[in-house]
Amino acid sequence: MNRRYRHFRSEEKKKRSVPFLPNFITTMSLFCGFYSISFSLKQNFVMAAVLILIAGFIDGIDGRVARATNSTSAFGKEYDSLSDVIAFGVSPAILAFLWQVNQFGRLGFIASFLFVACGALRLARFNTDTVSDGSTFTGLPIPVAAAAVSGMVLLSAELDRKDLMIPPALVLVAVYALSYLMVSTIRYPSFKHISYIKAHPFQLLVAGLLVLGVVAYWPEVMIFTIAMLFIVGGPIWGTVVHFRERAREKKEAKSTEAEHLQQENPNG
């Protein structure tokens, strides 16, 4: 009884603990998001976009560090979500507003607010989801939505050198679309719990290095391209999985029906 009680107390203490390293990394992501806002206010939109992308890279580390050091905690989970609201909700919304969508007046203001609100709702739904097995995300992850906004800014800077531009109306529509995708029920793949990653770490390391090389060669274009491939690929992937599941269910139903008929007519 005492051993069970001590184990219970240990688990409770672990839940209430505040590990330093993963939460410090989360704070670095929050800092980059806040720093991005200061650059947006100074009209330095390229630097603001770069800082959001850096925040996204850092955000992908804190959870893995927490799991690797066995320092996951309820505090860290909540703090990470609060940080994400700033770094990937407020920062890209202000960036988009001051960069392009403010010229649409109330429509631009509503678009920026919806981006923040839908991002917060997306994070709240993720934190309270007890059904998902972690292999998929419901709705577009907020860091990807933020990367899409940052990617548009960097792509626009590249197009400006060639006397081209992204139509402001397209940016406005994109912000509304990203807001909707975050709170949608569209399934997006999660690369955190796929068995293939554990089975083929070396191959994926090489693939990751190749992707980094391509991005480093032409980041203004490739960051936007990768973000859009994930955004558009999500619904396509979800549709393929849906039809595969339906086909498997039909096959299982036919197999079950055949077994029943065989049992009812053993001599047939």
C-alpha atoms as a PDB file:
ATOM      1  CA  MET A   1       0.000   0.000   0.000  1.00  0.00           C
ATOM      2  CA  ASN A   2       2.844   2.408   0.926  1.00  0.00           C
ATOM      3  CA  ARG A   3       4.687   1.587  -2.294  1.00  0.00           C
ATOM      4  CA  ARG A   4       1.570   2.332  -4.348  1.00  0.00           C
ATOM      5  CA  TYR A   5       1.054   5.584  -2.446  1.00  0.00           C
ATOM      6  CA  ARG A   6       4.675   6.636  -3.011  1.00  0.00           C
ATOM      7  CA  HIS A   7       4.339   5.845  -6.715  1.00  0.00           C
ATOM      8  CA  PHE A   8       1.154   7.931  -6.882  1.00  0.00           C
ATOM      9  CA  ARG A   9       2.856  10.833  -5.101  1.00  0.00           C
ATOM     10  CA  SER A  10       5.815  10.573  -7.476  1.00  0.00           C
ATOM     11  CA  GLU A  11       3.558  10.729 -10.532  1.00  0.00           C
ATOM     12  CA  GLU A  12       1.657  13.703  -9.116  1.00  0.00           C
ATOM     13  CA  LYS A  13       4.908  15.507  -8.365  1.00  0.00           C
ATOM     14  CA  LYS A  14       6.125  14.829 -11.905  1.00  0.00           C
ATOM     15  CA  LYS A  15       2.935  16.304 -13.371  1.00  0.00           C
ATOM     16  CA  ARG A  16       3.356  19.475 -11.312  1.00  0.00           C
ATOM     17  CA  SER A  17       7.084  19.807 -12.045  1.00  0.00           C
ATOM     18  CA  VAL A  18       8.519  22.550 -14.255  1.00  0.00           C
ATOM     19  CA  PRO A  19      11.504  21.074 -16.155  1.00  0.00           C
ATOM     20  CA  PHE A  20      14.047  23.707 -17.180  1.00  0.00           C
ATOM     21  CA  LEU A  21      15.434  22.636 -20.563  1.00  0.00           C
ATOM     22  CA  PRO A  22      12.281  21.973 -22.651  1.00  0.00           C
ATOM     23  CA  ASN A  23      10.499  25.018 -21.211  1.00  0.00           C
ATOM     24  CA  PHE A  24      13.530  27.209 -21.859  1.00  0.00           C
ATOM     25  CA  ILE A  25      13.468  26.055 -25.488  1.00  0.00           C
ATOM     26  CA  THR A  26       9.755  26.924 -25.619  1.00  0.00           C
ATOM     27  CA  THR A  27      10.623  30.373 -24.246  1.00  0.00           C
ATOM     28  CA  MET A  28      13.127  30.824 -27.088  1.00  0.00           C
ATOM     29  CA  SER A  29      10.328  30.092 -29.573  1.00  0.00           C
ATOM     30  CA  LEU A  30       8.095  32.606 -27.779  1.00  0.00           C
ATOM     31  CA  PHE A  31      10.879  35.196 -27.890  1.00  0.00           C
ATOM     32  CA  CYS A  32      11.307  34.752 -31.652  1.00  0.00           C
ATOM     33  CA  GLY A  33       7.571  35.195 -32.143  1.00  0.00           C
ATOM     34  CA  PHE A  34       7.503  38.348 -30.032  1.00  0.00           C
ATOM     35  CA  TYR A  35      10.638  39.688 -31.740  1.00  0.00           C
ATOM     36  CA  SER A  36       8.929  39.074 -35.085  1.00  0.00           C
ATOM     37  CA  ILE A  37       6.138  41.439 -34.055  1.00  0.00           C
ATOM     38  CA  SER A  38       8.664  44.217 -33.415  1.00  0.00           C
ATOM     39  CA  PHE A  39      10.065  43.806 -36.938  1.00  0.00           C
ATOM     40  CA  SER A  40       6.552  43.848 -38.420  1.00  0.00           C
ATOM     41  CA  LEU A  41       5.892  47.152 -36.639  1.00  0.00           C
ATOM     42  CA  LYS A  42       9.124  48.489 -38.187  1.00  0.00           C
ATOM     43  CA  GLN A  43       7.923  47.371 -41.659  1.00  0.00           C
ATOM     44  CA  ASN A  44      10.807  44.874 -41.905  1.00  0.00           C
ATOM     45  CA  PHE A  45       8.540  42.060 -43.056  1.00  0.00           C
ATOM     46  CA  VAL A  46      11.246  39.728 -44.360  1.00  0.00           C
ATOM     47  CA  MET A  47      13.015  39.623 -40.992  1.00  0.00           C
ATOM     48  CA  ALA A  48       9.656  39.169 -39.250  1.00  0.00           C
ATOM     49  CA  ALA A  49       8.904  36.182 -41.478  1.00  0.00           C
ATOM     50  CA  VAL A  50      12.347  34.665 -40.865  1.00  0.00           C
ATOM     51  CA  LEU A  51      11.885  34.891 -37.088  1.00  0.00           C
ATOM     52  CA  ILE A  52       8.543  33.087 -37.302  1.00  0.00           C
ATOM     53  CA  LEU A  53      10.234  30.291 -39.243  1.00  0.00           C
ATOM     54  CA  ILE A  54      13.015  30.117 -36.637  1.00  0.00           C
ATOM     55  CA  ALA A  55      10.334  29.889 -33.944  1.00  0.00           C
ATOM     56  CA  GLY A  56       8.795  26.994 -35.861  1.00  0.00           C
ATOM     57  CA  PHE A  57      12.114  25.166 -35.972  1.00  0.00           C
ATOM     58  CA  ILE A  58      12.633  25.672 -32.232  1.00  0.00           C
ATOM     59  CA  ASP A  59       9.056  24.581 -31.519  1.00  0.00           C
ATOM     60  CA  GLY A  60       9.773  21.249 -33.158  1.00  0.00           C
ATOM     61  CA  ILE A  61      12.608  20.619 -30.710  1.00  0.00           C
ATOM     62  CA  ASP A  62      11.126  21.238 -27.258  1.00  0.00           C
ATOM     63  CA  GLY A  63       8.768  18.258 -27.254  1.00  0.00           C
ATOM     64  CA  ARG A  64      11.460  15.890 -28.462  1.00  0.00           C
ATOM     65  CA  VAL A  65      13.881  17.182 -25.840  1.00  0.00           C
ATOM     66  CA  ALA A  66      11.234  16.683 -23.146  1.00  0.00           C
ATOM     67  CA  ARG A  67      10.625  13.092 -24.247  1.00  0.00           C
ATOM     68  CA  ALA A  68      14.330  12.343 -24.646  1.00  0.00           C
ATOM     69  CA  THR A  69      15.132  13.640 -21.144  1.00  0.00           C
ATOM     70  CA  ASN A  70      11.991  12.128 -19.621  1.00  0.00           C
ATOM     71  CA  SER A  71      10.910  15.599 -18.496  1.00  0.00           C
ATOM     72  CA  THR A  72       7.442  15.899 -20.022  1.00  0.00           C
ATOM     73  CA  SER A  73       4.952  17.700 -17.797  1.00  0.00           C
ATOM     74  CA  ALA A  74       1.430  19.117 -17.824  1.00  0.00           C
ATOM     75  CA  PHE A  75       2.957  22.570 -17.296  1.00  0.00           C
ATOM     76  CA  GLY A  76       5.128  22.171 -20.389  1.00  0.00           C
ATOM     77  CA  LYS A  77       2.165  21.139 -22.525  1.00  0.00           C
ATOM     78  CA  GLU A  78       0.123  24.176 -21.520  1.00  0.00           C
ATOM     79  CA  TYR A  79       3.076  26.553 -21.772  1.00  0.00           C
ATOM     80  CA  ASP A  80       3.883  25.265 -25.250  1.00  0.00           C
ATOM     81  CA  SER A  81       0.340  25.991 -26.434  1.00  0.00           C
ATOM     82  CA  LEU A  82       0.357  29.500 -24.940  1.00  0.00           C
ATOM     83  CA  SER A  83       3.685  30.151 -26.645  1.00  0.00           C
ATOM     84  CA  ASP A  84       2.306  28.852 -29.962  1.00  0.00           C
ATOM     85  CA  VAL A  85      -0.624  31.289 -29.809  1.00  0.00           C
ATOM     86  CA  ILE A  86       1.867  34.174 -29.754  1.00  0.00           C
ATOM     87  CA  ALA A  87       4.557  32.796 -32.063  1.00  0.00           C
ATOM     88  CA  PHE A  88       2.284  31.228 -34.698  1.00  0.00           C
ATOM     89  CA  GLY A  89      -1.020  33.024 -34.149  1.00  0.00           C
ATOM     90  CA  VAL A  90      -0.487  36.662 -33.193  1.00  0.00           C
ATOM     91  CA  SER A  91       2.877  37.151 -34.943  1.00  0.00           C
ATOM     92  CA  PRO A  92       1.848  35.976 -38.449  1.00  0.00           C
ATOM     93  CA  ALA A  93      -1.536  37.711 -38.095  1.00  0.00           C
ATOM     94  CA  ILE A  94       0.153  41.059 -37.396  1.00  0.00           C
ATOM     95  CA  LEU A  95       2.671  40.351 -40.152  1.00  0.00           C
ATOM     96  CA  ALA A  96      -0.070  39.665 -42.703  1.00  0.00           C
ATOM     97  CA  PHE A  97      -2.113  42.666 -41.565  1.00  0.00           C
ATOM     98  CA  LEU A  98       0.676  45.247 -41.712  1.00  0.00           C
ATOM     99  CA  TRP A  99       2.161  43.732 -44.865  1.00  0.00           C
ATOM    100  CA  GLN A 100      -0.896  43.495 -47.127  1.00  0.00           C
ATOM    101  CA  VAL A 101      -4.351  42.888 -45.706  1.00  0.00           C
ATOM    102  CA  ASN A 102      -4.719  46.199 -43.815  1.00  0.00           C
ATOM    103  CA  GLN A 103      -5.571  47.869 -47.114  1.00  0.00           C
ATOM    104  CA  PHE A 104      -8.874  45.961 -47.131  1.00  0.00           C
ATOM    105  CA  GLY A 105     -10.123  47.743 -44.021  1.00  0.00           C
ATOM    106  CA  ARG A 106     -12.512  45.734 -41.896  1.00  0.00           C
ATOM    107  CA  LEU A 107     -12.143  42.646 -44.065  1.00  0.00           C
ATOM    108  CA  GLY A 108      -8.413  42.680 -43.432  1.00  0.00           C
ATOM    109  CA  PHE A 109      -8.872  43.252 -39.701  1.00  0.00           C
ATOM    110  CA  ILE A 110     -11.364  40.381 -39.447  1.00  0.00           C
ATOM    111  CA  ALA A 111      -9.060  38.101 -41.455  1.00  0.00           C
ATOM    112  CA  SER A 112      -6.161  38.749 -39.070  1.00  0.00           C
ATOM    113  CA  PHE A 113      -8.346  38.283 -35.992  1.00  0.00           C
ATOM    114  CA  LEU A 114      -9.787  35.029 -37.350  1.00  0.00           C
ATOM    115  CA  PHE A 115      -6.289  33.715 -37.917  1.00  0.00           C
ATOM    116  CA  VAL A 116      -5.468  34.258 -34.226  1.00  0.00           C
ATOM    117  CA  ALA A 117      -8.831  32.974 -32.966  1.00  0.00           C
ATOM    118  CA  CYS A 118      -8.832  29.858 -35.164  1.00  0.00           C
ATOM    119  CA  GLY A 119      -5.241  29.132 -34.200  1.00  0.00           C
ATOM    120  CA  ALA A 120      -6.147  29.313 -30.505  1.00  0.00           C
ATOM    121  CA  LEU A 121      -9.188  27.085 -31.067  1.00  0.00           C
ATOM    122  CA  ARG A 122      -7.019  24.628 -32.979  1.00  0.00           C
ATOM    123  CA  LEU A 123      -4.573  24.399 -30.078  1.00  0.00           C
ATOM    124  CA  ALA A 124      -7.370  24.035 -27.504  1.00  0.00           C
ATOM    125  CA  ARG A 125      -8.893  21.188 -29.505  1.00  0.00           C
ATOM    126  CA  PHE A 126      -5.500  19.502 -29.797  1.00  0.00           C
ATOM    127  CA  ASN A 127      -4.894  19.714 -26.037  1.00  0.00           C
ATOM    128  CA  THR A 128      -8.278  18.207 -25.194  1.00  0.00           C
ATOM    129  CA  ASP A 129      -8.256  15.475 -27.851  1.00  0.00           C
ATOM    130  CA  THR A 130      -8.184  12.134 -26.041  1.00  0.00           C
ATOM    131  CA  VAL A 131      -9.328  10.037 -29.012  1.00  0.00           C
ATOM    132  CA  SER A 132      -6.540  10.509 -31.548  1.00  0.00           C
ATOM    133  CA  ASP A 133      -3.682   7.997 -31.536  1.00  0.00           C
ATOM    134  CA  GLY A 134      -1.186  10.699 -32.546  1.00  0.00           C
ATOM    135  CA  SER A 135      -0.747   9.456 -36.120  1.00  0.00           C
ATOM    136  CA  THR A 136      -2.777  12.341 -37.570  1.00  0.00           C
ATOM    137  CA  PHE A 137      -3.685  15.955 -36.831  1.00  0.00           C
ATOM    138  CA  THR A 138      -7.272  17.181 -36.997  1.00  0.00           C
ATOM    139  CA  GLY A 139      -7.046  20.473 -38.833  1.00  0.00           C
ATOM    140  CA  LEU A 140      -3.987  22.256 -40.172  1.00  0.00           C
ATOM    141  CA  PRO A 141      -1.253  22.596 -37.499  1.00  0.00           C
ATOM    142  CA  ILE A 142      -0.803  26.245 -36.552  1.00  0.00           C
ATOM    143  CA  PRO A 143       2.992  26.277 -37.191  1.00  0.00           C
ATOM    144  CA  VAL A 144       2.340  25.232 -40.805  1.00  0.00           C
ATOM    145  CA  ALA A 145      -0.239  28.012 -41.212  1.00  0.00           C
ATOM    146  CA  ALA A 146       2.310  30.488 -39.841  1.00  0.00           C
ATOM    147  CA  ALA A 147       4.957  29.081 -42.206  1.00  0.00           C
ATOM    148  CA  ALA A 148       2.583  29.628 -45.134  1.00  0.00           C
ATOM    149  CA  VAL A 149       2.186  33.314 -44.228  1.00  0.00           C
ATOM    150  CA  SER A 150       5.948  33.699 -43.787  1.00  0.00           C
ATOM    151  CA  GLY A 151       6.528  31.851 -47.041  1.00  0.00           C
ATOM    152  CA  MET A 152       4.270  34.299 -48.891  1.00  0.00           C
ATOM    153  CA  VAL A 153       6.292  37.219 -47.542  1.00  0.00           C
ATOM    154  CA  LEU A 154       9.608  35.665 -48.596  1.00  0.00           C
ATOM    155  CA  LEU A 155       8.209  34.686 -51.989  1.00  0.00           C
ATOM    156  CA  SER A 156       6.954  38.239 -52.482  1.00  0.00           C
ATOM    157  CA  ALA A 157      10.428  39.594 -51.732  1.00  0.00           C
ATOM    158  CA  GLU A 158      11.848  37.284 -54.406  1.00  0.00           C
ATOM    159  CA  LEU A 159       9.191  38.284 -56.928  1.00  0.00           C
ATOM    160  CA  ASP A 160       9.845  41.975 -56.278  1.00  0.00           C
ATOM    161  CA  ARG A 161      13.323  41.510 -57.723  1.00  0.00           C
ATOM    162  CA  LYS A 162      11.680  40.419 -60.972  1.00  0.00           C
ATOM    163  CA  ASP A 163       9.083  43.221 -60.957  1.00  0.00           C
ATOM    164  CA  LEU A 164       6.329  40.759 -60.049  1.00  0.00           C
ATOM    165  CA  MET A 165       4.016  40.669 -57.052  1.00  0.00           C
ATOM    166  CA  ILE A 166       1.498  38.559 -55.181  1.00  0.00           C
ATOM    167  CA  PRO A 167      -1.954  40.184 -55.522  1.00  0.00           C
ATOM    168  CA  PRO A 168      -3.042  41.575 -52.123  1.00  0.00           C
ATOM    169  CA  ALA A 169      -6.506  40.042 -52.623  1.00  0.00           C
ATOM    170  CA  LEU A 170      -4.855  36.621 -52.888  1.00  0.00           C
ATOM    171  CA  VAL A 171      -3.104  37.190 -49.559  1.00  0.00           C
ATOM    172  CA  LEU A 172      -6.428  38.124 -47.972  1.00  0.00           C
ATOM    173  CA  VAL A 173      -8.093  34.976 -49.316  1.00  0.00           C
ATOM    174  CA  ALA A 174      -5.132  32.880 -48.160  1.00  0.00           C
ATOM    175  CA  VAL A 175      -5.428  34.178 -44.584  1.00  0.00           C
ATOM    176  CA  TYR A 176      -9.148  33.319 -44.526  1.00  0.00           C
ATOM    177  CA  ALA A 177      -8.437  29.887 -46.028  1.00  0.00           C
ATOM    178  CA  LEU A 178      -5.677  29.115 -43.518  1.00  0.00           C
ATOM    179  CA  SER A 179      -7.985  30.142 -40.671  1.00  0.00           C
ATOM    180  CA  TYR A 180     -10.644  27.738 -41.886  1.00  0.00           C
ATOM    181  CA  LEU A 181      -8.203  24.872 -42.394  1.00  0.00           C
ATOM    182  CA  MET A 182      -6.947  25.164 -38.817  1.00  0.00           C
ATOM    183  CA  VAL A 183     -10.411  24.552 -37.351  1.00  0.00           C
ATOM    184  CA  SER A 184     -11.547  22.112 -40.029  1.00  0.00           C
ATOM    185  CA  THR A 185     -11.862  18.359 -39.522  1.00  0.00           C
ATOM    186  CA  ILE A 186      -9.450  17.626 -42.378  1.00  0.00           C
ATOM    187  CA  ARG A 187      -6.871  15.042 -41.333  1.00  0.00           C
ATOM    188  CA  TYR A 188      -3.210  15.892 -41.788  1.00  0.00           C
ATOM    189  CA  PRO A 189      -0.428  13.343 -41.290  1.00  0.00           C
ATOM    190  CA  SER A 190       1.702  13.530 -38.171  1.00  0.00           C
ATOM    191  CA  PHE A 191       5.346  12.606 -38.596  1.00  0.00           C
ATOM    192  CA  LYS A 192       5.883  11.995 -34.879  1.00  0.00           C
ATOM    193  CA  HIS A 193       4.430   8.507 -34.483  1.00  0.00           C
ATOM    194  CA  ILE A 194       4.948   6.792 -37.825  1.00  0.00           C
ATOM    195  CA  SER A 195       6.614   3.388 -37.498  1.00  0.00           C
ATOM    196  CA  TYR A 196       8.486   3.932 -40.759  1.00  0.00           C
ATOM    197  CA  ILE A 197      10.523   6.682 -39.090  1.00  0.00           C
ATOM    198  CA  LYS A 198      11.776   4.312 -36.414  1.00  0.00           C
ATOM    199  CA  ALA A 199      12.411   1.543 -38.927  1.00  0.00           C
ATOM    200  CA  HIS A 200      14.332   3.701 -41.428  1.00  0.00           C
ATOM    201  CA  PRO A 201      16.119   6.465 -39.485  1.00  0.00           C
ATOM    202  CA  PHE A 202      19.179   6.625 -41.769  1.00  0.00           C
ATOM    203  CA  GLN A 203      17.175   6.920 -44.998  1.00  0.00           C
ATOM    204  CA  LEU A 204      15.034   9.653 -43.489  1.00  0.00           C
ATOM    205  CA  LEU A 205      18.134  11.468 -42.248  1.00  0.00           C
ATOM    206  CA  VAL A 206      19.506  11.527 -45.787  1.00  0.00           C
ATOM    207  CA  ALA A 207      16.134  12.687 -47.135  1.00  0.00           C
ATOM    208  CA  GLY A 208      16.035  15.424 -44.496  1.00  0.00           C
ATOM    209  CA  LEU A 209      19.499  16.623 -45.481  1.00  0.00           C
ATOM    210  CA  LEU A 210      18.438  16.760 -49.131  1.00  0.00           C
ATOM    211  CA  VAL A 211      15.362  18.831 -48.235  1.00  0.00           C
ATOM    212  CA  LEU A 212      17.508  21.193 -46.166  1.00  0.00           C
ATOM    213  CA  GLY A 213      19.894  21.536 -49.090  1.00  0.00           C
ATOM    214  CA  VAL A 214      17.088  22.431 -51.483  1.00  0.00           C
ATOM    215  CA  VAL A 215      15.616  24.940 -49.011  1.00  0.00           C
ATOM    216  CA  ALA A 216      19.020  26.516 -48.373  1.00  0.00           C
ATOM    217  CA  TYR A 217      19.609  26.893 -52.122  1.00  0.00           C
ATOM    218  CA  TRP A 218      16.392  28.875 -52.737  1.00  0.00           C
ATOM    219  CA  PRO A 219      14.645  29.502 -49.396  1.00  0.00           C
ATOM    220  CA  GLU A 220      12.390  32.307 -50.675  1.00  0.00           C
ATOM    221  CA  VAL A 221      10.591  29.870 -52.952  1.00  0.00           C
ATOM    222  CA  MET A 222      11.075  26.469 -51.349  1.00  0.00           C
ATOM    223  CA  ILE A 223       9.680  27.348 -47.898  1.00  0.00           C
ATOM    224  CA  PHE A 224       6.433  28.504 -49.477  1.00  0.00           C
ATOM    225  CA  THR A 225       6.383  25.475 -51.800  1.00  0.00           C
ATOM    226  CA  ILE A 226       6.873  22.949 -48.976  1.00  0.00           C
ATOM    227  CA  ALA A 227       4.202  24.618 -46.843  1.00  0.00           C
ATOM    228  CA  MET A 228       1.727  24.554 -49.729  1.00  0.00           C
ATOM    229  CA  LEU A 229       2.510  20.929 -50.539  1.00  0.00           C
ATOM    230  CA  PHE A 230       1.643  19.981 -46.962  1.00  0.00           C
ATOM    231  CA  ILE A 231      -1.492  22.157 -46.910  1.00  0.00           C
ATOM    232  CA  VAL A 232      -2.841  20.849 -50.213  1.00  0.00           C
ATOM    233  CA  GLY A 233      -1.546  17.333 -49.672  1.00  0.00           C
ATOM    234  CA  GLY A 234      -3.461  16.952 -46.405  1.00  0.00           C
ATOM    235  CA  PRO A 235      -6.939  16.801 -47.967  1.00  0.00           C
ATOM    236  CA  ILE A 236      -5.642  14.583 -50.777  1.00  0.00           C
ATOM    237  CA  TRP A 237      -4.001  12.220 -48.290  1.00  0.00           C
ATOM    238  CA  GLY A 238      -7.158  12.213 -46.155  1.00  0.00           C
ATOM    239  CA  THR A 239      -9.322  11.367 -49.168  1.00  0.00           C
ATOM    240  CA  VAL A 240      -7.049   8.470 -50.154  1.00  0.00           C
ATOM    241  CA  VAL A 241      -7.065   7.110 -46.583  1.00  0.00           C
ATOM    242  CA  HIS A 242     -10.858   7.457 -46.422  1.00  0.00           C
ATOM    243  CA  PHE A 243     -11.417   5.432 -49.590  1.00  0.00           C
ATOM    244  CA  ARG A 244      -8.873   2.823 -48.499  1.00  0.00           C
ATOM    245  CA  GLU A 245     -10.657   2.410 -45.185  1.00  0.00           C
ATOM    246  CA  ARG A 246     -14.021   2.099 -46.922  1.00  0.00           C
ATOM    247  CA  ALA A 247     -12.614  -0.520 -49.303  1.00  0.00           C
ATOM    248  CA  ARG A 248     -11.171  -2.471 -46.374  1.00  0.00           C
ATOM    249  CA  GLU A 249     -14.480  -2.285 -44.483  1.00  0.00           C
ATOM    250  CA  LYS A 250     -16.371  -3.572 -47.531  1.00  0.00           C
ATOM    251  CA  LYS A 251     -13.884  -6.405 -47.941  1.00  0.00           C
ATOM    252  CA  GLU A 252     -14.215  -7.345 -44.280  1.00  0.00           C
ATOM    253  CA  ALA A 253     -18.013  -7.183 -44.509  1.00  0.00           C
ATOM    254  CA  LYS A 254     -18.011  -9.504 -47.517  1.00  0.00           C
ATOM    255  CA  SER A 255     -15.642 -11.884 -45.752  1.00  0.00           C
ATOM    256  CA  THR A 256     -17.873 -11.932 -42.653  1.00  0.00           C
ATOM    257  CA  GLU A 257     -20.967 -12.506 -44.774  1.00  0.00           C
ATOM    258  CA  ALA A 258     -19.292 -15.387 -46.582  1.00  0.00           C
ATOM    259  CA  GLU A 259     -18.344 -16.986 -43.258  1.00  0.00           C
ATOM    260  CA  HIS A 260     -21.935 -16.708 -42.021  1.00  0.00           C
ATOM    261  CA  LEU A 261     -23.262 -18.308 -45.181  1.00  0.00           C
ATOM    262  CA  GLN A 262     -20.727 -21.081 -44.842  1.00  0.00           C
ATOM    263  CA  GLN A 263     -21.819 -21.723 -41.264  1.00  0.00           C
ATOM    264  CA  GLU A 264     -25.517 -21.744 -42.205  1.00  0.00           C
ATOM    265  CA  ASN A 265     -24.953 -24.100 -45.175  1.00  0.00           C
ATOM    266  CA  PRO A 266     -22.036 -26.338 -44.262  1.00  0.00           C
ATOM    267  CA  ASN A 267     -22.974 -28.826 -47.019  1.00  0.00           C
ATOM    268  CA  GLY A 268     -23.670 -26.188 -49.652  1.00  0.00           C
END
